[in-house]
Amino acid sequence: MVSPDLGVSLGPLKLKNPVIAASGTFGYGLEFLPFFDLSQLGGLVVKGLSLKPRVGNPPVRIVETPAGMLNAIGLQNVGVDAFIAEKLSALSGYDTVIFANVFGETEGEYAQVCRKLDQAPGLGAIELNVSCPNTEAGGMIFGNDPRALGRVTRACRRATRLPLLVKLSPNVTDIRETARVAEAEGADALSLVNTFVGMAVDVDRRRPVLANVSGGLSGPAIRPLAVWMTWQASRAVKIPVVGMGGILTARDALEFILAGASAVQVGTANFIHPDACVRVVRGLEQYLAQHGPSSIRSLVGALEAGGGKGS
């Protein structure tokens, strides 16, 4: 029996399978070495990297919610220089695509981080986290304003020759608008969705549970919203889309793929099962073996939506 073909393309990038570990849920990848061989993954996105190290927010930084979790880690990381010097080389022996997630407080910082990563050996692609405050614009979120999103995407496109993904925020009026802007400014692919802004309240103390007050909601609670936005974005642009939001199983991943995603990212599930990504890969193999077709690519955007209005 011929093994199912799980190979996919994200613009110029080739992945052995469509399952990618999501940024912020997988550390620098090295933390998961005791649990499985990273070469089983299509790719992994390391936690967000900034120009300088960040200590993040004070605790409480994570709280469980019904069918999900809120996090306000504050983008704690070692900084791009330490990542290149201390982390990236340790990942070079694994047959998987390494994505660096990038953020900054100004367009210039985004571009500086991208320039540093451009020559980093073993790095496969860059993903822009645009759900960050633009300090030059009074704290406006890059990804929530199409003009700011366009400028930062353009600056990063000029700063690197690596494949460039833009991770879109769901906290917008119309995801199709920001998707088109990122495409127009040179993104090779889109990843969506990032977390939704949410809040939890301690009713006994009458205070927010998170020290930061608000946080990013992820997990199965957001999956129907994320699938809908993936459907919308994939029909609005010509570049590939990577879907994410509450994927726990292969069937969850297939929702995104049928809705138009060429690949998926698994995030919150990594906190439940360290090998969640591998479980999704195996589940996709089993699905194709049982139901066909022989290639996962044949299922991308194959949703039969009837009279629904997706765009």
Foldseek 3Di string as FASTA:
>chain_A
DDFFQQWFDFQPDIFSHQEEAEAPFCALVPVLVVPDAPLLGREYEHHEAWQAFDQFDDPPAKDDDVQWIFGRRRRGDHHLVCCLVPPQVVCQVHNHAYEYEYDYQALVRRLVSLLVCQPRPRHAAYEYEQQWFNVVVPGDGQQQDLVSVLSSLLSSVVRHPHQYEYAHEPPYPALLSNLVSSVVSPHSEYEDDWFDKDWDADVVVRATNGPVRIGGIAALVCLVVQLLNLLLNQVNDDGAYETEGHDQALVSQLSNQLSAHRHYHYGPNCVVPVCSSSRNVVRVSVCCVVPDDSYSNVNGNNDDPDPDDSD
